[in-house]
Amino acid sequence: MDAVLVINADLGPLHRVTVAHAIRMLCRRVAEIHEAEPDRLIGVFPMPRVVRLVRYVVTRWRYSHGPAWSKGGVLARDGRRCGYCAGPAATVDHILPRSRGGKNTWRNTVSACAPCNQAKGDRTPAEAGMVLRIKPLVPAWGSLAQR
């Protein structure tokens, strides 16, 4: 199924939902169709591309702290490339290992391939003699949504 864009009452983008979720929003009357596919129906509703919320939802929290940390988010931020060798990455490495008090934060984690993650082990990059090729930063909401 295609994703449907949900926009706030002030026409600002919020997120994407499935078509089924968008139809439920229309049935509950929390959203209205803003843009639809021509000549396609789902029951009595036109096939939505964009739905607009009926009431404004305050989203200030999104811009003050950035997105919550997640393994998938780290991989998306780093383009699924290892922060040490630039090869394909499937794991997340903690710059300051968790065993030494390192936390799951954007600035303490980087994408890593399995061999580099294994070679680094329970050490910092400097102790392992490895060079970190990227600077881990807190990503913007938009950069994660585009990947």
N, C-alpha and C. Protein backbone atom coordinates (compact mmCIF):
# COMPACT_ATOMS: atom_id res chain seq x y z
N MET A 1 0.84 -1.20 0.00
CA MET A 1 0.00 0.00 0.00
C MET A 1 0.87 1.24 0.00
N ASP A 2 0.34 2.27 -0.59
CA ASP A 2 1.05 3.54 -0.62
C ASP A 2 0.88 4.27 0.69
N ALA A 3 1.84 5.11 1.02
CA ALA A 3 1.75 5.93 2.22
C ALA A 3 0.98 7.20 1.91
N VAL A 4 0.27 7.70 2.91
CA VAL A 4 -0.52 8.92 2.79
C VAL A 4 0.12 9.96 3.69
N LEU A 5 0.35 11.14 3.16
CA LEU A 5 0.93 12.23 3.94
C LEU A 5 -0.14 12.85 4.83
N VAL A 6 0.18 13.04 6.11
CA VAL A 6 -0.71 13.72 7.04
C VAL A 6 -0.15 15.11 7.28
N ILE A 7 -0.99 16.12 7.04
CA ILE A 7 -0.56 17.50 7.29
C ILE A 7 -1.41 18.08 8.40
N ASN A 8 -0.84 19.02 9.12
CA ASN A 8 -1.52 19.67 10.22
C ASN A 8 -2.58 20.62 9.68
N ALA A 9 -3.40 21.15 10.56
CA ALA A 9 -4.45 22.08 10.14
C ALA A 9 -3.87 23.34 9.50
N ASP A 10 -2.61 23.68 9.83
CA ASP A 10 -1.97 24.85 9.22
C ASP A 10 -1.20 24.49 7.96
N LEU A 11 -1.42 23.28 7.45
CA LEU A 11 -0.83 22.74 6.22
C LEU A 11 0.64 22.37 6.35
N GLY A 12 1.16 22.28 7.57
CA GLY A 12 2.53 21.83 7.79
C GLY A 12 2.57 20.31 7.81
N PRO A 13 3.58 19.68 7.19
CA PRO A 13 3.64 18.21 7.17
C PRO A 13 3.93 17.64 8.55
N LEU A 14 3.29 16.51 8.86
CA LEU A 14 3.52 15.84 10.14
C LEU A 14 4.23 14.50 9.96
N HIS A 15 3.59 13.58 9.25
CA HIS A 15 4.16 12.25 9.05
C HIS A 15 3.39 11.52 7.96
N ARG A 16 3.74 10.27 7.73
CA ARG A 16 3.04 9.44 6.74
C ARG A 16 2.37 8.28 7.46
N VAL A 17 1.22 7.86 6.92
CA VAL A 17 0.49 6.72 7.46
C VAL A 17 0.06 5.83 6.30
N THR A 18 -0.39 4.63 6.62
CA THR A 18 -0.90 3.74 5.59
C THR A 18 -2.25 4.25 5.11
N VAL A 19 -2.69 3.73 3.97
CA VAL A 19 -4.00 4.12 3.44
C VAL A 19 -5.09 3.70 4.41
N ALA A 20 -4.96 2.51 4.99
CA ALA A 20 -5.96 2.03 5.96
C ALA A 20 -6.06 2.97 7.15
N HIS A 21 -4.92 3.43 7.65
CA HIS A 21 -4.93 4.36 8.78
C HIS A 21 -5.58 5.68 8.37
N ALA A 22 -5.27 6.16 7.17
CA ALA A 22 -5.87 7.40 6.69
C ALA A 22 -7.39 7.27 6.59
N ILE A 23 -7.89 6.14 6.12
CA ILE A 23 -9.33 5.92 6.03
C ILE A 23 -9.96 5.92 7.42
N ARG A 24 -9.30 5.30 8.39
CA ARG A 24 -9.80 5.33 9.77
C ARG A 24 -9.86 6.76 10.29
N MET A 25 -8.85 7.57 9.96
CA MET A 25 -8.86 8.97 10.38
C MET A 25 -10.04 9.72 9.76
N LEU A 26 -10.34 9.41 8.50
CA LEU A 26 -11.47 10.04 7.83
C LEU A 26 -12.79 9.60 8.46
N CYS A 27 -12.92 8.32 8.78
CA CYS A 27 -14.14 7.81 9.42
C CYS A 27 -14.36 8.43 10.80
N ARG A 28 -13.28 8.63 11.54
CA ARG A 28 -13.38 9.25 12.88
C ARG A 28 -13.53 10.76 12.80
N ARG A 29 -13.40 11.30 11.60
CA ARG A 29 -13.53 12.74 11.33
C ARG A 29 -12.48 13.57 12.03
N VAL A 30 -11.27 13.02 12.18
CA VAL A 30 -10.16 13.80 12.71
C VAL A 30 -9.35 14.39 11.57
N ALA A 31 -9.64 13.93 10.34
CA ALA A 31 -8.93 14.43 9.16
C ALA A 31 -9.90 14.55 7.99
N GLU A 32 -9.50 15.36 7.03
CA GLU A 32 -10.24 15.53 5.79
C GLU A 32 -9.29 15.28 4.63
N ILE A 33 -9.84 14.89 3.49
CA ILE A 33 -9.01 14.67 2.31
C ILE A 33 -8.57 16.03 1.77
N HIS A 34 -7.27 16.19 1.63
CA HIS A 34 -6.71 17.43 1.09
C HIS A 34 -6.38 17.24 -0.39
N GLU A 35 -5.90 16.03 -0.72
CA GLU A 35 -5.58 15.69 -2.11
C GLU A 35 -5.87 14.21 -2.30
N ALA A 36 -6.51 13.87 -3.43
CA ALA A 36 -6.90 12.48 -3.66
C ALA A 36 -6.49 12.04 -5.06
N GLU A 37 -6.45 10.72 -5.25
CA GLU A 37 -6.19 10.13 -6.56
C GLU A 37 -7.46 10.29 -7.40
N PRO A 38 -7.34 10.73 -8.62
CA PRO A 38 -8.54 10.87 -9.44
C PRO A 38 -9.12 9.50 -9.83
N ASP A 39 -10.43 9.38 -9.77
CA ASP A 39 -11.17 8.19 -10.23
C ASP A 39 -10.83 6.92 -9.48
N ARG A 40 -10.33 7.01 -8.25
CA ARG A 40 -10.09 5.81 -7.44
C ARG A 40 -10.83 5.98 -6.12
N LEU A 41 -11.61 4.97 -5.76
CA LEU A 41 -12.39 5.02 -4.53
C LEU A 41 -12.03 3.86 -3.62
N ILE A 42 -12.15 4.09 -2.33
CA ILE A 42 -12.09 3.04 -1.32
C ILE A 42 -13.40 3.19 -0.56
N GLY A 43 -14.35 2.34 -0.86
CA GLY A 43 -15.69 2.49 -0.30
C GLY A 43 -16.30 3.78 -0.81
N VAL A 44 -16.67 4.65 0.11
CA VAL A 44 -17.26 5.94 -0.28
C VAL A 44 -16.21 7.05 -0.36
N PHE A 45 -14.98 6.74 0.05
CA PHE A 45 -13.93 7.76 0.08
C PHE A 45 -13.06 7.70 -1.17
N PRO A 46 -12.68 8.85 -1.70
CA PRO A 46 -11.66 8.86 -2.76
C PRO A 46 -10.33 8.38 -2.17
N MET A 47 -9.49 7.76 -2.98
CA MET A 47 -8.18 7.27 -2.52
C MET A 47 -7.33 8.48 -2.12
N PRO A 48 -7.01 8.63 -0.81
CA PRO A 48 -6.28 9.82 -0.37
C PRO A 48 -4.79 9.76 -0.69
N ARG A 49 -4.23 10.89 -1.07
CA ARG A 49 -2.79 11.07 -1.17
C ARG A 49 -2.30 11.88 0.02
N VAL A 50 -3.11 12.91 0.38
CA VAL A 50 -2.78 13.80 1.50
C VAL A 50 -4.05 14.01 2.31
N VAL A 51 -3.96 13.85 3.64
CA VAL A 51 -5.07 14.18 4.52
C VAL A 51 -4.64 15.30 5.44
N ARG A 52 -5.60 16.18 5.76
CA ARG A 52 -5.33 17.33 6.63
C ARG A 52 -6.11 17.16 7.92
N LEU A 53 -5.43 17.35 9.05
CA LEU A 53 -6.10 17.25 10.33
C LEU A 53 -7.12 18.38 10.48
N VAL A 54 -8.23 18.06 11.13
CA VAL A 54 -9.30 19.05 11.33
C VAL A 54 -8.87 20.07 12.38
N ARG A 55 -8.17 19.60 13.41
CA ARG A 55 -7.69 20.49 14.49
C ARG A 55 -6.17 20.54 14.47
N TYR A 56 -5.64 21.69 14.82
CA TYR A 56 -4.19 21.88 14.85
C TYR A 56 -3.59 21.06 15.99
N VAL A 57 -2.49 20.38 15.71
CA VAL A 57 -1.76 19.60 16.71
C VAL A 57 -0.44 20.31 16.97
N VAL A 58 -0.15 20.62 18.23
CA VAL A 58 1.08 21.30 18.60
C VAL A 58 2.23 20.33 18.47
N THR A 59 3.26 20.71 17.73
CA THR A 59 4.41 19.82 17.50
C THR A 59 5.72 20.48 17.88
N ARG A 60 5.68 21.43 18.76
CA ARG A 60 6.89 22.13 19.16
C ARG A 60 7.98 21.19 19.66
N TRP A 61 7.59 20.10 20.33
CA TRP A 61 8.55 19.15 20.86
C TRP A 61 9.42 18.54 19.78
N ARG A 62 8.92 18.44 18.56
CA ARG A 62 9.69 17.84 17.47
C ARG A 62 10.94 18.67 17.15
N TYR A 63 10.86 19.95 17.31
CA TYR A 63 11.95 20.82 16.87
C TYR A 63 12.92 21.17 17.99
N SER A 64 12.54 20.91 19.23
CA SER A 64 13.42 21.30 20.33
C SER A 64 14.47 20.23 20.64
N HIS A 65 14.13 18.96 20.51
CA HIS A 65 15.06 17.92 20.92
C HIS A 65 15.55 17.05 19.77
N GLY A 66 14.91 17.08 18.65
CA GLY A 66 15.27 16.20 17.56
C GLY A 66 14.62 14.84 17.75
N PRO A 67 14.81 13.96 16.79
CA PRO A 67 14.18 12.65 16.88
C PRO A 67 14.80 11.78 17.96
N ALA A 68 14.02 10.83 18.45
CA ALA A 68 14.51 9.89 19.46
C ALA A 68 15.55 8.97 18.81
N TRP A 69 16.51 8.53 19.61
CA TRP A 69 17.56 7.66 19.12
C TRP A 69 16.98 6.29 18.78
N SER A 70 17.45 5.70 17.70
CA SER A 70 17.10 4.32 17.36
C SER A 70 18.21 3.74 16.49
N LYS A 71 18.32 2.42 16.49
CA LYS A 71 19.33 1.76 15.66
C LYS A 71 19.06 2.06 14.19
N GLY A 72 17.81 1.95 13.77
CA GLY A 72 17.46 2.25 12.38
C GLY A 72 17.76 3.69 12.02
N GLY A 73 17.56 4.60 12.96
CA GLY A 73 17.86 6.00 12.73
C GLY A 73 19.35 6.25 12.54
N VAL A 74 20.17 5.57 13.32
CA VAL A 74 21.63 5.71 13.19
C VAL A 74 22.08 5.19 11.83
N LEU A 75 21.55 4.03 11.43
CA LEU A 75 21.90 3.48 10.12
C LEU A 75 21.47 4.41 9.00
N ALA A 76 20.27 5.00 9.12
CA ALA A 76 19.78 5.93 8.10
C ALA A 76 20.62 7.20 8.08
N ARG A 77 20.95 7.72 9.25
CA ARG A 77 21.76 8.95 9.33
C ARG A 77 23.11 8.76 8.64
N ASP A 78 23.72 7.59 8.82
CA ASP A 78 25.04 7.33 8.26
C ASP A 78 25.00 6.71 6.87
N GLY A 79 23.81 6.63 6.28
CA GLY A 79 23.69 6.10 4.93
C GLY A 79 24.04 4.62 4.84
N ARG A 80 23.88 3.88 5.95
CA ARG A 80 24.21 2.45 6.01
C ARG A 80 25.65 2.19 5.60
N ARG A 81 26.55 3.12 5.93
CA ARG A 81 27.98 2.99 5.66
C ARG A 81 28.73 2.95 6.99
N CYS A 82 29.75 2.11 7.05
CA CYS A 82 30.55 1.96 8.26
C CYS A 82 31.29 3.27 8.56
N GLY A 83 31.27 3.68 9.80
CA GLY A 83 31.96 4.89 10.20
C GLY A 83 33.47 4.74 10.28
N TYR A 84 33.97 3.51 10.15
CA TYR A 84 35.40 3.26 10.23
C TYR A 84 36.02 2.97 8.86
N CYS A 85 35.36 2.10 8.06
CA CYS A 85 35.96 1.71 6.77
C CYS A 85 35.11 2.14 5.57
N ALA A 86 33.95 2.72 5.79
CA ALA A 86 33.02 3.19 4.76
C ALA A 86 32.39 2.05 3.96
N GLY A 87 32.53 0.82 4.42
CA GLY A 87 31.86 -0.31 3.77
C GLY A 87 30.41 -0.39 4.20
N PRO A 88 29.65 -1.35 3.66
CA PRO A 88 28.24 -1.51 4.05
C PRO A 88 28.13 -1.86 5.53
N ALA A 89 27.21 -1.21 6.22
CA ALA A 89 27.06 -1.41 7.66
C ALA A 89 25.69 -1.98 7.99
N ALA A 90 25.65 -2.84 8.99
CA ALA A 90 24.40 -3.43 9.44
C ALA A 90 24.26 -3.37 10.96
N THR A 91 25.30 -2.90 11.65
CA THR A 91 25.25 -2.84 13.11
C THR A 91 25.54 -1.42 13.57
N VAL A 92 25.32 -1.20 14.86
CA VAL A 92 25.61 0.10 15.46
C VAL A 92 26.69 -0.09 16.51
N ASP A 93 27.70 0.76 16.47
CA ASP A 93 28.81 0.69 17.42
C ASP A 93 28.74 1.89 18.37
N HIS A 94 29.01 1.65 19.63
CA HIS A 94 29.07 2.72 20.63
C HIS A 94 30.51 3.22 20.70
N ILE A 95 30.70 4.50 20.49
CA ILE A 95 32.04 5.09 20.51
C ILE A 95 32.65 4.90 21.90
N LEU A 96 31.93 5.31 22.94
CA LEU A 96 32.30 4.97 24.31
C LEU A 96 31.46 3.73 24.64
N PRO A 97 32.08 2.57 24.79
CA PRO A 97 31.31 1.33 24.96
C PRO A 97 30.31 1.40 26.12
N ARG A 98 29.23 0.67 25.95
CA ARG A 98 28.19 0.66 26.98
C ARG A 98 28.73 0.12 28.29
N SER A 99 29.69 -0.80 28.23
CA SER A 99 30.27 -1.36 29.44
C SER A 99 31.04 -0.32 30.25
N ARG A 100 31.37 0.79 29.62
CA ARG A 100 32.10 1.88 30.29
C ARG A 100 31.19 3.08 30.54
N GLY A 101 29.90 2.88 30.43
CA GLY A 101 28.96 3.96 30.71
C GLY A 101 28.46 4.70 29.49
N GLY A 102 28.81 4.24 28.30
CA GLY A 102 28.32 4.87 27.08
C GLY A 102 26.83 4.65 26.92
N LYS A 103 26.14 5.65 26.45
CA LYS A 103 24.68 5.61 26.32
C LYS A 103 24.27 5.45 24.87
N ASN A 104 23.01 5.10 24.67
CA ASN A 104 22.41 5.06 23.34
C ASN A 104 22.00 6.48 22.96
N THR A 105 22.95 7.25 22.45
CA THR A 105 22.67 8.61 22.02
C THR A 105 23.19 8.79 20.60
N TRP A 106 22.69 9.82 19.93
CA TRP A 106 23.12 10.10 18.57
C TRP A 106 24.61 10.37 18.48
N ARG A 107 25.18 11.05 19.47
CA ARG A 107 26.59 11.44 19.41
C ARG A 107 27.54 10.35 19.89
N ASN A 108 26.99 9.27 20.48
CA ASN A 108 27.83 8.19 20.97
C ASN A 108 27.73 6.94 20.10
N THR A 109 26.95 6.98 19.04
CA THR A 109 26.80 5.79 18.20
C THR A 109 27.08 6.11 16.75
N VAL A 110 27.54 5.09 16.05
CA VAL A 110 27.87 5.22 14.63
C VAL A 110 27.59 3.88 13.96
N SER A 111 27.22 3.89 12.69
CA SER A 111 27.03 2.65 11.94
C SER A 111 28.38 1.96 11.78
N ALA A 112 28.36 0.65 11.81
CA ALA A 112 29.60 -0.11 11.67
C ALA A 112 29.33 -1.43 10.97
N CYS A 113 30.31 -1.90 10.21
CA CYS A 113 30.22 -3.25 9.63
C CYS A 113 30.61 -4.22 10.74
N ALA A 114 30.23 -5.46 10.57
CA ALA A 114 30.52 -6.47 11.60
C ALA A 114 32.02 -6.63 11.86
N PRO A 115 32.89 -6.68 10.82
CA PRO A 115 34.33 -6.84 11.11
C PRO A 115 34.91 -5.67 11.92
N CYS A 116 34.52 -4.44 11.58
CA CYS A 116 35.03 -3.28 12.32
C CYS A 116 34.49 -3.26 13.75
N ASN A 117 33.23 -3.59 13.91
CA ASN A 117 32.62 -3.61 15.23
C ASN A 117 33.31 -4.67 16.09
N GLN A 118 33.60 -5.82 15.50
CA GLN A 118 34.29 -6.90 16.22
C GLN A 118 35.72 -6.48 16.56
N ALA A 119 36.42 -5.85 15.62
CA ALA A 119 37.81 -5.44 15.85
C ALA A 119 37.91 -4.38 16.94
N LYS A 120 36.96 -3.47 16.98
CA LYS A 120 36.97 -2.42 18.00
C LYS A 120 36.65 -3.01 19.36
N GLY A 121 35.69 -3.91 19.40
CA GLY A 121 35.36 -4.59 20.65
C GLY A 121 34.92 -3.63 21.74
N ASP A 122 35.48 -3.85 22.93
CA ASP A 122 35.10 -3.09 24.12
C ASP A 122 36.09 -1.96 24.39
N ARG A 123 36.52 -1.29 23.32
CA ARG A 123 37.50 -0.21 23.46
C ARG A 123 36.98 1.04 22.76
N THR A 124 37.60 2.15 23.03
CA THR A 124 37.30 3.37 22.28
C THR A 124 38.03 3.28 20.94
N PRO A 125 37.65 4.08 19.95
CA PRO A 125 38.36 4.04 18.67
C PRO A 125 39.86 4.31 18.82
N ALA A 126 40.23 5.24 19.69
CA ALA A 126 41.65 5.56 19.88
C ALA A 126 42.40 4.37 20.46
N GLU A 127 41.81 3.68 21.43
CA GLU A 127 42.45 2.52 22.04
C GLU A 127 42.58 1.36 21.04
N ALA A 128 41.62 1.26 20.12
CA ALA A 128 41.66 0.19 19.12
C ALA A 128 42.50 0.57 17.91
N GLY A 129 42.99 1.82 17.85
CA GLY A 129 43.79 2.28 16.72
C GLY A 129 42.96 2.46 15.46
N MET A 130 41.69 2.80 15.63
CA MET A 130 40.79 2.98 14.50
C MET A 130 40.40 4.45 14.38
N VAL A 131 40.26 4.90 13.15
CA VAL A 131 39.90 6.30 12.90
C VAL A 131 38.42 6.37 12.55
N LEU A 132 37.70 7.22 13.26
CA LEU A 132 36.29 7.44 12.98
C LEU A 132 36.19 8.44 11.82
N ARG A 133 35.62 8.01 10.69
CA ARG A 133 35.59 8.83 9.47
C ARG A 133 34.46 9.82 9.41
N ILE A 134 33.48 9.68 10.30
CA ILE A 134 32.35 10.61 10.31
C ILE A 134 32.20 11.20 11.70
N LYS A 135 31.55 12.35 11.76
CA LYS A 135 31.27 12.96 13.05
C LYS A 135 29.81 12.71 13.37
N PRO A 136 29.52 11.91 14.40
CA PRO A 136 28.13 11.60 14.71
C PRO A 136 27.40 12.82 15.26
N LEU A 137 26.30 13.18 14.61
CA LEU A 137 25.50 14.34 15.00
C LEU A 137 24.05 13.93 15.21
N VAL A 138 23.29 14.77 15.89
CA VAL A 138 21.85 14.57 16.01
C VAL A 138 21.22 14.96 14.68
N PRO A 139 20.53 14.04 14.01
CA PRO A 139 19.97 14.37 12.70
C PRO A 139 18.72 15.23 12.81
N ALA A 140 18.40 15.91 11.73
CA ALA A 140 17.17 16.67 11.65
C ALA A 140 16.04 15.70 11.30
N TRP A 141 14.82 16.06 11.65
CA TRP A 141 13.67 15.21 11.34
C TRP A 141 13.58 14.91 9.86
N GLY A 142 13.76 15.92 9.05
CA GLY A 142 13.61 15.76 7.60
C GLY A 142 14.61 14.82 7.00
N SER A 143 15.84 14.81 7.51
CA SER A 143 16.87 13.95 6.92
C SER A 143 16.56 12.48 7.15
N LEU A 144 15.92 12.14 8.27
CA LEU A 144 15.55 10.74 8.52
C LEU A 144 14.34 10.32 7.70
N ALA A 145 13.43 11.25 7.47
CA ALA A 145 12.22 10.93 6.72
C ALA A 145 12.51 10.71 5.25
N GLN A 146 13.57 11.27 4.72
CA GLN A 146 13.89 11.16 3.31
C GLN A 146 14.53 9.83 2.97
N ARG A 147 15.06 9.12 3.94
CA ARG A 147 15.80 7.88 3.66
C ARG A 147 14.92 6.67 3.72
